[in-house]
Structure formats: structure tokens, C-alpha cells
């Protein structure tokens, strides 16, 4: 599936998201039902974040503390990666879409605090 294993700073995230999308396409097709599943997968992953956070707080008295911050962060990373794959599945470049989002947030922060950078 992947020809290279680039370091994170060399674009591993983007290469892997695109490769995973291609793998899913080959395995499951690219129809609307498949795209729906890829988008809904975000909800599943977000639920795992919620479960890990509840486990970190020990909110279930029967189970106690079951997760660490690192495990919560790993679940959050799963959400982020799943979102990138969903964006690629829409036929868009995830890196470009995420960059546009970051620019929008940057502009919002800059206008809120009056900075121009």
C-alpha cells in the first residue's frame, strides 16, 4: 500500500491518510453508503474519546480510573485522522482543507485580540 514510510515532518500524516482512503476505496468501494460510513466513523471515534475521558475521571464507580491522558490523546488523534480520511474520501485534499480551517481560526483569533499577524 505505501511505498515509503516518511517521517512525521515529511508528511507521513498526509501520505497515510491518502493511502488509507485508497485502501478503503479498493476494499469497500466509493459509493454514497461507503462515504456515509466514513463520515459516521467520526461519531464512533468521538465516542471512544468520551469513554476514555470518563475512564480518566473515574466516573464509573464500578471501574474506577481506567485511562490516562495519553490514552485520551491517542483517541483524539484517531478522531483527527479519521476526519482527514473522510475529507480525502470527499475527493478533496485534506492538507489544503485543514490549512484553510487553520487560517480561518487564525484570522478569528487575530481579529478578537486585535493583532495583525
Protein backbone atom coordinates (compact mmCIF):
# COMPACT_ATOMS: atom_id res chain seq x y z
CA UNK A 1 0.00 0.00 0.00
CA UNK A 2 2.68 2.53 0.99
CA UNK A 3 5.94 2.80 -0.93
CA UNK A 4 7.70 4.86 1.72
CA UNK A 5 7.49 5.46 5.43
CA UNK A 6 8.18 9.19 5.66
CA UNK A 7 8.99 10.83 8.96
CA UNK A 8 6.15 12.81 10.51
CA UNK A 9 7.72 16.11 9.45
CA UNK A 10 7.95 14.85 5.88
CA UNK A 11 4.20 14.40 5.50
CA UNK A 12 3.52 10.97 6.97
CA UNK A 13 0.05 12.06 8.07
CA UNK A 14 -0.98 13.28 4.61
CA UNK A 15 0.55 10.35 2.73
CA UNK A 16 -1.01 7.84 5.10
CA UNK A 17 -4.46 9.47 5.06
CA UNK A 18 -4.47 9.39 1.26
CA UNK A 19 -3.18 5.79 1.19
CA UNK A 20 -5.78 4.67 3.75
CA UNK A 21 -8.52 6.30 1.68
CA UNK A 22 -7.28 4.41 -1.38
CA UNK A 23 -7.18 1.15 0.61
CA UNK A 24 -10.76 1.71 1.81
CA UNK A 25 -11.85 2.57 -1.74
CA UNK A 26 -10.40 -0.70 -3.03
CA UNK A 27 -11.89 -2.76 -0.21
CA UNK A 28 -15.31 -1.12 0.15
CA UNK A 29 -15.93 0.93 -2.97
CA UNK A 30 -16.70 4.63 -3.17
CA UNK A 31 -20.48 4.85 -3.20
CA UNK A 32 -22.63 7.13 -1.10
CA UNK A 33 -23.24 4.41 1.52
CA UNK A 34 -19.49 3.94 1.97
CA UNK A 35 -18.90 7.68 2.20
CA UNK A 36 -21.69 7.89 4.79
CA UNK A 37 -19.95 5.21 6.85
CA UNK A 38 -16.66 7.08 6.69
CA UNK A 39 -18.30 10.27 7.90
CA UNK A 40 -20.22 8.44 10.63
CA UNK A 41 -16.98 6.76 11.75
CA UNK A 42 -16.13 10.15 13.28
CA UNK A 43 -19.00 9.73 15.72
CA UNK A 44 -17.75 6.30 16.73
CA UNK A 45 -14.25 7.64 17.31
CA UNK A 46 -15.60 10.64 19.27
CA UNK A 47 -17.49 8.19 21.47
CA UNK A 48 -14.22 6.45 22.22
CA UNK A 49 -12.76 9.80 23.29
CA UNK A 50 -15.72 10.31 25.62
CA UNK A 51 -15.29 6.84 27.07
CA UNK A 52 -11.58 7.40 27.63
CA UNK A 53 -12.23 10.76 29.30
CA UNK A 54 -14.84 9.20 31.58
CA UNK A 55 -12.28 6.49 32.35
CA UNK A 56 -9.65 9.13 33.14
CA UNK A 57 -12.00 10.86 35.56
CA UNK A 58 -13.03 7.58 37.17
CA UNK A 59 -16.69 8.47 36.70
CA UNK A 60 -17.79 4.86 36.65
CA UNK A 61 -17.54 3.77 40.29
CA UNK A 62 -17.57 0.12 39.31
CA UNK A 63 -14.49 0.53 37.08
CA UNK A 64 -12.63 3.41 38.70
CA UNK A 65 -9.84 5.18 36.80
CA UNK A 66 -9.17 3.19 33.64
CA UNK A 67 -7.44 5.62 31.25
CA UNK A 68 -4.55 8.06 31.12
CA UNK A 69 -4.21 11.44 29.43
CA UNK A 70 -2.02 9.78 26.84
CA UNK A 71 -4.82 7.33 26.04
CA UNK A 72 -7.32 10.19 25.72
CA UNK A 73 -4.87 11.97 23.41
CA UNK A 74 -4.49 8.82 21.31
CA UNK A 75 -8.27 8.61 20.93
CA UNK A 76 -8.35 12.29 19.93
CA UNK A 77 -5.68 11.56 17.33
CA UNK A 78 -7.90 8.76 15.98
CA UNK A 79 -10.70 11.32 15.55
CA UNK A 80 -8.37 13.73 13.74
CA UNK A 81 -7.01 11.04 11.43
CA UNK A 82 -10.48 9.68 10.71
CA UNK A 83 -11.57 13.20 9.76
CA UNK A 84 -8.64 13.52 7.35
CA UNK A 85 -9.57 10.23 5.69
CA UNK A 86 -13.19 11.40 5.39
CA UNK A 87 -12.04 14.65 3.76
CA UNK A 88 -9.90 12.70 1.30
CA UNK A 89 -12.92 10.45 0.64
CA UNK A 90 -14.88 13.53 -0.41
CA UNK A 91 -12.34 13.94 -3.20
CA UNK A 92 -10.58 16.86 -1.52
CA UNK A 93 -7.01 17.34 -0.36
CA UNK A 94 -7.09 17.03 3.44
CA UNK A 95 -3.95 19.12 3.89
CA UNK A 96 -5.45 22.03 1.94
CA UNK A 97 -8.80 21.80 3.74
CA UNK A 98 -7.10 21.71 7.14
CA UNK A 99 -4.84 24.62 6.20
CA UNK A 100 -7.89 26.69 5.20
CA UNK A 101 -9.51 25.83 8.53
CA UNK A 102 -6.38 26.87 10.43
CA UNK A 103 -6.26 30.16 8.51
CA UNK A 104 -9.90 30.83 9.36
CA UNK A 105 -9.28 30.16 13.05
CA UNK A 106 -6.09 32.24 12.98
CA UNK A 107 -7.99 35.18 11.47
CA UNK A 108 -10.74 34.81 14.08
CA UNK A 109 -8.19 34.88 16.91
CA UNK A 110 -6.28 37.78 15.36
CA UNK A 111 -9.43 39.87 14.99
CA UNK A 112 -10.54 39.01 18.53
CA UNK A 113 -7.29 40.14 20.12
CA UNK A 114 -6.58 42.96 17.66
CA UNK A 115 -3.29 41.54 16.37
CA UNK A 116 -2.33 41.67 12.71
CA UNK A 117 -0.01 38.64 12.46
